[in-house]
N, C-alpha and C. Protein backbone atom coordinates (compact mmCIF):
# COMPACT_ATOMS: atom_id res chain seq x y z
N MET A 1 -23.24 16.35 6.83
CA MET A 1 -22.26 15.42 6.32
C MET A 1 -21.76 15.94 4.97
N LYS A 2 -20.43 16.02 4.82
CA LYS A 2 -19.83 16.46 3.57
C LYS A 2 -19.67 15.28 2.62
N ARG A 3 -19.62 15.59 1.34
CA ARG A 3 -19.42 14.57 0.32
C ARG A 3 -18.34 15.07 -0.62
N SER A 4 -17.37 14.23 -0.94
CA SER A 4 -16.29 14.58 -1.87
C SER A 4 -16.11 13.46 -2.88
N ILE A 5 -15.70 13.83 -4.07
CA ILE A 5 -15.30 12.86 -5.08
C ILE A 5 -13.79 12.75 -4.98
N LEU A 6 -13.28 11.56 -4.73
CA LEU A 6 -11.85 11.34 -4.56
C LEU A 6 -11.30 10.54 -5.73
N GLU A 7 -10.17 10.98 -6.27
CA GLU A 7 -9.49 10.28 -7.36
C GLU A 7 -8.63 9.17 -6.76
N ASN A 8 -8.63 8.01 -7.42
CA ASN A 8 -7.88 6.86 -6.93
C ASN A 8 -7.14 6.22 -8.09
N VAL A 9 -6.11 5.48 -7.78
CA VAL A 9 -5.36 4.75 -8.78
C VAL A 9 -5.34 3.27 -8.36
N VAL A 10 -5.42 2.38 -9.35
CA VAL A 10 -5.43 0.94 -9.09
C VAL A 10 -4.39 0.28 -10.00
N TRP A 11 -3.61 -0.64 -9.44
CA TRP A 11 -2.64 -1.39 -10.23
C TRP A 11 -2.50 -2.80 -9.69
N LYS A 12 -1.99 -3.69 -10.52
CA LYS A 12 -1.79 -5.07 -10.11
C LYS A 12 -0.37 -5.23 -9.58
N GLU A 13 -0.26 -5.84 -8.41
CA GLU A 13 1.03 -6.07 -7.77
C GLU A 13 1.06 -7.54 -7.35
N GLY A 14 1.76 -8.37 -8.11
CA GLY A 14 1.74 -9.80 -7.84
C GLY A 14 0.36 -10.35 -8.16
N LYS A 15 -0.22 -11.08 -7.20
CA LYS A 15 -1.56 -11.63 -7.44
C LYS A 15 -2.68 -10.73 -6.92
N TYR A 16 -2.34 -9.58 -6.36
CA TYR A 16 -3.33 -8.67 -5.80
C TYR A 16 -3.41 -7.36 -6.58
N TYR A 17 -4.54 -6.69 -6.46
CA TYR A 17 -4.70 -5.33 -6.96
C TYR A 17 -4.59 -4.38 -5.78
N VAL A 18 -3.90 -3.26 -5.99
CA VAL A 18 -3.73 -2.23 -4.97
C VAL A 18 -4.51 -1.01 -5.41
N ALA A 19 -5.27 -0.42 -4.51
CA ALA A 19 -6.01 0.81 -4.78
C ALA A 19 -5.52 1.88 -3.81
N GLN A 20 -5.15 3.04 -4.32
CA GLN A 20 -4.63 4.12 -3.48
C GLN A 20 -5.34 5.41 -3.81
N CYS A 21 -5.73 6.13 -2.77
CA CYS A 21 -6.36 7.43 -2.92
C CYS A 21 -5.29 8.49 -3.15
N LEU A 22 -5.53 9.38 -4.10
CA LEU A 22 -4.56 10.44 -4.40
C LEU A 22 -4.73 11.66 -3.49
N HIS A 23 -5.80 11.74 -2.74
CA HIS A 23 -6.09 12.91 -1.92
C HIS A 23 -5.59 12.76 -0.48
N VAL A 24 -5.63 11.54 0.03
CA VAL A 24 -5.13 11.25 1.38
C VAL A 24 -4.29 9.99 1.29
N ASP A 25 -3.40 9.79 2.23
CA ASP A 25 -2.48 8.65 2.19
C ASP A 25 -3.15 7.39 2.72
N ILE A 26 -4.10 6.87 1.94
CA ILE A 26 -4.84 5.66 2.30
C ILE A 26 -4.82 4.73 1.10
N SER A 27 -4.54 3.44 1.35
CA SER A 27 -4.59 2.45 0.28
C SER A 27 -5.15 1.15 0.83
N SER A 28 -5.51 0.26 -0.08
CA SER A 28 -6.01 -1.06 0.30
C SER A 28 -5.75 -2.00 -0.86
N PHE A 29 -6.13 -3.28 -0.72
CA PHE A 29 -5.88 -4.24 -1.78
C PHE A 29 -6.98 -5.28 -1.83
N GLY A 30 -6.97 -6.06 -2.90
CA GLY A 30 -7.94 -7.14 -3.06
C GLY A 30 -7.53 -8.05 -4.19
N GLU A 31 -8.24 -9.15 -4.36
CA GLU A 31 -7.93 -10.11 -5.41
C GLU A 31 -8.46 -9.67 -6.78
N SER A 32 -9.28 -8.62 -6.83
CA SER A 32 -9.77 -8.03 -8.08
C SER A 32 -9.76 -6.51 -7.92
N LYS A 33 -9.89 -5.81 -9.04
CA LYS A 33 -9.97 -4.34 -8.97
C LYS A 33 -11.18 -3.92 -8.14
N GLU A 34 -12.30 -4.60 -8.38
CA GLU A 34 -13.53 -4.26 -7.66
C GLU A 34 -13.36 -4.44 -6.15
N GLU A 35 -12.73 -5.55 -5.75
CA GLU A 35 -12.52 -5.80 -4.33
C GLU A 35 -11.56 -4.78 -3.72
N ALA A 36 -10.51 -4.45 -4.46
CA ALA A 36 -9.55 -3.45 -3.97
C ALA A 36 -10.23 -2.11 -3.77
N LEU A 37 -11.08 -1.70 -4.73
CA LEU A 37 -11.78 -0.42 -4.61
C LEU A 37 -12.83 -0.45 -3.50
N LYS A 38 -13.51 -1.57 -3.32
CA LYS A 38 -14.47 -1.71 -2.22
C LYS A 38 -13.75 -1.59 -0.89
N ASN A 39 -12.60 -2.25 -0.76
CA ASN A 39 -11.82 -2.18 0.48
C ASN A 39 -11.27 -0.78 0.71
N LEU A 40 -10.88 -0.09 -0.37
CA LEU A 40 -10.41 1.29 -0.23
C LEU A 40 -11.54 2.19 0.23
N ASP A 41 -12.74 2.01 -0.33
CA ASP A 41 -13.90 2.79 0.08
C ASP A 41 -14.16 2.62 1.58
N GLU A 42 -14.10 1.39 2.05
CA GLU A 42 -14.30 1.13 3.47
C GLU A 42 -13.22 1.80 4.32
N ALA A 43 -11.96 1.68 3.88
CA ALA A 43 -10.85 2.30 4.62
C ALA A 43 -10.99 3.82 4.66
N LEU A 44 -11.38 4.42 3.54
CA LEU A 44 -11.57 5.88 3.50
C LEU A 44 -12.70 6.32 4.41
N ASN A 45 -13.80 5.59 4.41
CA ASN A 45 -14.92 5.94 5.29
C ASN A 45 -14.52 5.86 6.76
N LEU A 46 -13.77 4.83 7.13
CA LEU A 46 -13.30 4.71 8.52
C LEU A 46 -12.34 5.84 8.87
N TYR A 47 -11.43 6.17 7.96
CA TYR A 47 -10.46 7.23 8.19
C TYR A 47 -11.16 8.58 8.34
N LEU A 48 -12.09 8.87 7.45
CA LEU A 48 -12.74 10.18 7.45
C LEU A 48 -13.75 10.35 8.57
N GLU A 49 -14.31 9.28 9.11
CA GLU A 49 -15.28 9.43 10.20
C GLU A 49 -14.61 9.77 11.52
N ASP A 50 -13.31 9.46 11.66
CA ASP A 50 -12.60 9.67 12.92
C ASP A 50 -11.93 11.03 13.03
N GLU A 51 -11.78 11.74 11.95
CA GLU A 51 -11.01 12.98 11.95
C GLU A 51 -11.80 14.13 11.33
N GLN A 52 -11.37 15.34 11.64
CA GLN A 52 -11.86 16.52 10.95
C GLN A 52 -10.95 16.74 9.75
N HIS A 53 -11.48 16.63 8.55
CA HIS A 53 -10.65 16.73 7.35
C HIS A 53 -11.16 17.87 6.47
N GLU A 54 -10.89 19.07 6.89
CA GLU A 54 -11.30 20.24 6.13
C GLU A 54 -10.36 20.49 4.95
N ASP A 55 -9.17 19.91 4.98
CA ASP A 55 -8.14 20.24 4.00
C ASP A 55 -7.81 19.09 3.06
N ILE A 56 -8.81 18.35 2.60
CA ILE A 56 -8.56 17.29 1.62
C ILE A 56 -8.09 17.96 0.34
N GLN A 57 -6.95 17.49 -0.17
CA GLN A 57 -6.37 18.08 -1.37
C GLN A 57 -7.25 17.83 -2.58
N ASN A 58 -7.44 18.85 -3.39
CA ASN A 58 -8.19 18.72 -4.62
C ASN A 58 -7.20 18.32 -5.72
N VAL A 59 -7.41 17.15 -6.33
CA VAL A 59 -6.55 16.67 -7.40
C VAL A 59 -7.38 16.63 -8.67
N GLU A 60 -7.02 17.45 -9.64
CA GLU A 60 -7.77 17.49 -10.88
C GLU A 60 -6.92 16.94 -12.02
N ASN A 61 -7.50 16.08 -12.82
CA ASN A 61 -6.84 15.51 -14.00
C ASN A 61 -5.46 14.93 -13.68
N PRO A 62 -5.39 13.95 -12.78
CA PRO A 62 -4.10 13.34 -12.47
C PRO A 62 -3.53 12.64 -13.70
N GLU A 63 -2.23 12.62 -13.81
CA GLU A 63 -1.56 12.00 -14.95
C GLU A 63 -0.45 11.10 -14.44
N ILE A 64 -0.34 9.90 -14.99
CA ILE A 64 0.74 8.99 -14.63
C ILE A 64 1.96 9.43 -15.42
N VAL A 65 3.07 9.70 -14.73
CA VAL A 65 4.31 10.14 -15.37
C VAL A 65 5.43 9.24 -14.87
N ARG A 66 6.16 8.65 -15.78
CA ARG A 66 7.29 7.79 -15.41
C ARG A 66 8.56 8.62 -15.29
N ILE A 67 9.32 8.32 -14.26
CA ILE A 67 10.59 8.99 -14.04
C ILE A 67 11.65 7.91 -13.82
N SER A 68 12.76 8.02 -14.51
CA SER A 68 13.85 7.07 -14.37
C SER A 68 14.78 7.56 -13.25
N VAL A 69 15.06 6.68 -12.30
CA VAL A 69 15.95 7.02 -11.19
C VAL A 69 17.05 5.98 -11.09
N LYS A 70 18.23 6.40 -10.62
CA LYS A 70 19.34 5.48 -10.36
C LYS A 70 19.46 5.31 -8.85
N TYR A 71 19.69 4.11 -8.43
CA TYR A 71 19.84 3.86 -6.99
C TYR A 71 20.80 2.69 -6.79
N ALA A 72 21.36 2.60 -5.61
CA ALA A 72 22.32 1.54 -5.28
C ALA A 72 21.64 0.30 -4.78
C-alpha cells in the first residue's frame, strides 16, 4: 500500500466549508473545516482504492494567487 501526503485547500462558501485536493480533482464539504476535511479524506480514500494512480501530481509550496478577469 502506497502512502502520499496531499495538499488541500479549504474555504468558506455560504454556510459550508469546501475542501479541495490540489493533486487530484476531488472535493467535499461540511459545516466546519474539520468536517469538510474529514469528508475529503473519505472521498480521497474511496477514489484512490478504485483506481491505479501512479501519476499523482506532486504539488510543492502551493500559493494562492488572485487574478482579475473580465466576463460578460
